[in-house]
């Protein structure tokens, strides 16, 4: 049986570490995007993001939050912001030793949501 990318990277616990690093070391230190998180409950955000990325990597779908379009409504996220976040996700996964081919798979999933996130 083929291992999902979710299993390959170590499941939800490993993804939670990636998400912590993603926010603490990359996103929240990036002036181009950190303003979007000024009034965000980051604990809740981390939990949502962990569930979302787990699902995006082939794990169980426990994501029950708002739709992507709803969650980003009124934020006016531009392509440059989307690309910055995608790059940070790439770098966070790479930081934890995820292979480039697997990162590509994950980012392709994320890219498929672009239309639900940008210009909302």
Protein backbone atom coordinates (compact mmCIF):
# COMPACT_ATOMS: atom_id res chain seq x y z
CA UNK A 1 0.00 0.00 0.00
CA UNK A 2 1.32 3.43 -0.90
CA UNK A 3 2.09 5.72 1.95
CA UNK A 4 0.35 9.09 1.84
CA UNK A 5 2.51 12.17 2.00
CA UNK A 6 0.82 12.81 5.36
CA UNK A 7 2.17 9.51 6.73
CA UNK A 8 5.53 9.99 5.06
CA UNK A 9 6.19 13.31 6.83
CA UNK A 10 5.16 11.88 10.20
CA UNK A 11 1.47 12.67 10.56
CA UNK A 12 -0.24 15.47 12.42
CA UNK A 13 2.40 15.83 15.13
CA UNK A 14 5.14 16.48 12.57
CA UNK A 15 2.88 18.81 10.58
CA UNK A 16 2.11 20.80 13.76
CA UNK A 17 5.88 21.41 14.12
CA UNK A 18 6.10 22.55 10.50
CA UNK A 19 3.16 24.91 11.07
CA UNK A 20 4.74 26.38 14.23
CA UNK A 21 7.96 27.05 12.36
CA UNK A 22 6.00 28.37 9.35
CA UNK A 23 4.33 31.05 11.47
CA UNK A 24 6.96 31.82 14.14
CA UNK A 25 10.06 31.89 11.97
CA UNK A 26 8.74 32.83 8.53
CA UNK A 27 5.26 34.32 8.17
CA UNK A 28 5.18 36.50 11.30
CA UNK A 29 8.66 37.87 10.53
CA UNK A 30 7.71 38.78 6.95
CA UNK A 31 6.59 42.42 6.69
CA UNK A 32 4.77 41.75 3.41
CA UNK A 33 2.27 39.33 5.02
CA UNK A 34 2.40 39.57 8.83
CA UNK A 35 -0.17 42.38 8.88
CA UNK A 36 -2.84 39.87 7.88
CA UNK A 37 -2.34 38.14 11.24
CA UNK A 38 -2.34 41.20 13.52
CA UNK A 39 -5.72 40.46 15.08
CA UNK A 40 -5.61 36.70 14.67
CA UNK A 41 -5.85 34.17 17.47
CA UNK A 42 -2.64 32.39 16.49
CA UNK A 43 -3.34 29.26 18.55
CA UNK A 44 -6.59 28.76 16.68
CA UNK A 45 -4.88 29.67 13.39
CA UNK A 46 -2.15 27.09 14.00
CA UNK A 47 -4.71 24.38 14.78
CA UNK A 48 -6.71 25.18 11.61
CA UNK A 49 -3.57 25.30 9.49
CA UNK A 50 -2.31 21.98 10.89
CA UNK A 51 -5.61 20.28 10.05
CA UNK A 52 -5.70 21.90 6.63
CA UNK A 53 -2.12 20.96 5.70
CA UNK A 54 -2.67 17.43 7.08
CA UNK A 55 -5.63 17.10 4.71
CA UNK A 56 -3.70 18.67 1.81
CA UNK A 57 -1.00 16.02 2.31
CA UNK A 58 -3.48 13.16 2.15
CA UNK A 59 -4.31 12.86 5.84
CA UNK A 60 -7.79 12.67 7.34
CA UNK A 61 -10.13 15.55 6.56
CA UNK A 62 -10.82 16.99 9.98
CA UNK A 63 -10.95 20.50 8.62
CA UNK A 64 -14.37 21.85 9.49
CA UNK A 65 -13.63 25.54 9.33
CA UNK A 66 -15.06 28.05 6.91
CA UNK A 67 -14.57 27.57 3.20
CA UNK A 68 -11.33 29.02 1.87
CA UNK A 69 -13.22 31.81 0.09
CA UNK A 70 -15.15 32.68 3.27
CA UNK A 71 -12.06 32.54 5.48
CA UNK A 72 -10.21 35.03 3.26
CA UNK A 73 -13.17 37.29 2.45
CA UNK A 74 -12.44 41.00 2.64
CA UNK A 75 -8.70 40.47 3.07
CA UNK A 76 -7.87 41.56 -0.47
CA UNK A 77 -4.96 39.14 -0.68
CA UNK A 78 -2.85 39.83 -3.76
CA UNK A 79 -0.86 37.29 -5.81
CA UNK A 80 2.36 38.54 -4.18
CA UNK A 81 0.95 37.66 -0.73
CA UNK A 82 -0.22 34.23 -1.84
CA UNK A 83 3.20 33.53 -3.35
CA UNK A 84 4.99 34.66 -0.17
CA UNK A 85 2.90 32.29 1.96
CA UNK A 86 3.45 29.42 -0.49
CA UNK A 87 7.22 30.07 -0.38
CA UNK A 88 7.15 30.07 3.43
CA UNK A 89 5.31 26.75 3.37
CA UNK A 90 7.92 25.39 0.99
CA UNK A 91 10.73 26.58 3.26
CA UNK A 92 9.07 25.23 6.43
CA UNK A 93 8.62 21.78 4.86
CA UNK A 94 12.19 21.84 3.54
CA UNK A 95 13.45 22.87 6.99
CA UNK A 96 12.00 19.62 8.34
CA UNK A 97 13.61 17.52 5.61
CA UNK A 98 10.62 16.94 3.36
CA UNK A 99 11.82 16.01 -0.13
CA UNK A 100 11.46 18.56 -2.92
CA UNK A 101 9.18 16.29 -4.99
CA UNK A 102 6.86 15.91 -2.00
CA UNK A 103 6.89 19.64 -1.35
CA UNK A 104 5.88 20.16 -4.99
CA UNK A 105 2.92 17.83 -4.50
CA UNK A 106 1.83 19.77 -1.42
CA UNK A 107 2.24 23.15 -3.10
CA UNK A 108 0.27 21.98 -6.15
CA UNK A 109 -2.63 21.25 -3.79
CA UNK A 110 -2.26 24.68 -2.20
CA UNK A 111 -2.07 26.34 -5.63
CA UNK A 112 -5.39 24.75 -6.59
CA UNK A 113 -7.01 26.96 -3.91
CA UNK A 114 -5.52 30.18 -5.25
CA UNK A 115 -8.78 31.35 -6.82
CA UNK A 116 -10.58 30.96 -3.48
CA UNK A 117 -8.00 33.06 -1.66
CA UNK A 118 -6.72 35.82 -3.95
CA UNK A 119 -8.71 39.07 -4.49
CA UNK A 120 -11.47 38.14 -2.04
